[in-house]
Amino acid sequence: MEIDSLMEKIESIFGEYGFKEETIGKKRYLVRDSCYCQITYLEKLQAFVIESADNIKDAFNGALEDGDLYYINVSEKEVLNQIKRDIAKYYVD
């Protein structure tokens, strides 16, 4: 799987739910209401993780909570579907 392409698709899913890109401090977040998310690819684990904060102070300080790991050893469609379900479940009111 092409990691950069998959990252763009994940960010696009966040956009479908109304998240907007915002820079806080020196870090880029996907933000909706008071939910601040970062998507990170963990090369060693070959997985994506969504980290989040529920206020701007924690986002600015990098005090993020780790979400589930999304391993890329399954099909791209499976990864994206699981992420879409979890965004709706955990990050959208």
Protein backbone atom coordinates (compact mmCIF):
# COMPACT_ATOMS: atom_id res chain seq x y z
CA MET A 1 0.00 0.00 0.00
CA GLU A 2 1.17 3.53 -0.77
CA ILE A 3 1.28 5.20 2.67
CA ASP A 4 1.00 8.82 1.46
CA SER A 5 -2.00 7.98 -0.71
CA LEU A 6 -3.69 6.14 2.16
CA MET A 7 -2.99 9.07 4.50
CA GLU A 8 -4.72 11.41 2.04
CA LYS A 9 -7.74 9.10 1.90
CA ILE A 10 -7.95 8.97 5.68
CA GLU A 11 -7.77 12.77 5.88
CA SER A 12 -10.50 12.93 3.23
CA ILE A 13 -12.77 10.81 5.43
CA PHE A 14 -12.23 13.26 8.28
CA GLY A 15 -13.17 16.04 5.83
CA GLU A 16 -16.44 14.24 5.05
CA TYR A 17 -17.30 14.58 8.73
CA GLY A 18 -16.57 18.31 8.76
CA PHE A 19 -13.02 18.29 10.13
CA LYS A 20 -10.82 21.15 8.93
CA GLU A 21 -7.05 21.37 8.84
CA GLU A 22 -5.57 23.70 11.45
CA THR A 23 -2.04 24.40 12.67
CA ILE A 24 -1.66 24.65 16.43
CA GLY A 25 1.81 25.48 17.60
CA LYS A 26 3.93 23.76 14.98
CA LYS A 27 1.67 20.74 14.52
CA ARG A 28 -1.11 20.09 12.02
CA TYR A 29 -4.45 18.88 13.31
CA LEU A 30 -7.79 17.90 11.87
CA VAL A 31 -10.31 19.84 13.97
CA ARG A 32 -14.06 19.69 14.47
CA ASP A 33 -15.71 21.51 17.36
CA SER A 34 -13.44 20.73 20.34
CA CYS A 35 -11.94 17.55 18.86
CA TYR A 36 -8.32 17.78 17.67
CA CYS A 37 -6.97 14.76 15.76
CA GLN A 38 -3.62 13.79 14.30
CA ILE A 39 -3.03 10.79 12.09
CA THR A 40 0.34 9.12 12.46
CA TYR A 41 1.83 6.23 10.54
CA LEU A 42 3.93 3.93 12.72
CA GLU A 43 6.38 2.33 10.34
CA LYS A 44 7.65 -0.26 12.81
CA LEU A 45 4.13 -1.56 13.38
CA GLN A 46 2.95 -0.91 9.81
CA ALA A 47 -0.15 0.73 11.22
CA PHE A 48 -1.88 4.08 11.45
CA VAL A 49 -3.01 5.55 14.74
CA ILE A 50 -5.39 8.43 15.34
CA GLU A 51 -4.32 10.55 18.29
CA SER A 52 -6.73 13.06 19.75
CA ALA A 53 -7.29 15.80 22.30
CA ASP A 54 -10.57 17.28 23.40
CA ASN A 55 -9.34 20.84 23.89
CA ILE A 56 -6.91 23.26 22.30
CA LYS A 57 -4.66 23.42 25.37
CA ASP A 58 -3.95 19.68 25.26
CA ALA A 59 -3.47 19.84 21.49
CA PHE A 60 -1.00 22.73 21.84
CA ASN A 61 0.91 20.83 24.54
CA GLY A 62 0.88 17.58 22.56
CA ALA A 63 -1.07 15.79 25.29
CA LEU A 64 -2.88 13.43 22.95
CA GLU A 65 -4.66 10.17 23.62
CA ASP A 66 -3.90 7.26 21.33
CA GLY A 67 -6.76 5.57 19.56
CA ASP A 68 -6.88 2.16 17.94
CA LEU A 69 -4.19 0.90 15.61
CA TYR A 70 -5.16 0.37 11.97
CA TYR A 71 -2.81 -2.21 10.50
CA ILE A 72 -2.22 -2.12 6.77
CA ASN A 73 -1.86 -5.88 6.38
CA VAL A 74 -5.50 -6.01 5.24
CA SER A 75 -7.05 -4.48 2.15
CA GLU A 76 -7.14 -0.71 1.77
CA LYS A 77 -10.94 -0.87 1.67
CA GLU A 78 -11.04 -2.66 5.05
CA VAL A 79 -8.69 -0.12 6.64
CA LEU A 80 -10.70 2.84 5.35
CA ASN A 81 -14.06 1.32 6.33
CA GLN A 82 -12.86 0.65 9.88
CA ILE A 83 -11.46 4.17 10.20
CA LYS A 84 -14.70 5.65 8.88
CA ARG A 85 -16.73 3.68 11.46
CA ASP A 86 -14.41 4.71 14.28
CA ILE A 87 -14.41 8.39 13.31
CA ALA A 88 -18.20 8.39 13.48
CA LYS A 89 -18.17 6.47 16.77
CA TYR A 90 -15.36 8.22 18.68
CA TYR A 91 -14.74 11.67 17.19
CA VAL A 92 -18.14 12.92 16.02
CA ASP A 93 -20.79 13.82 18.60
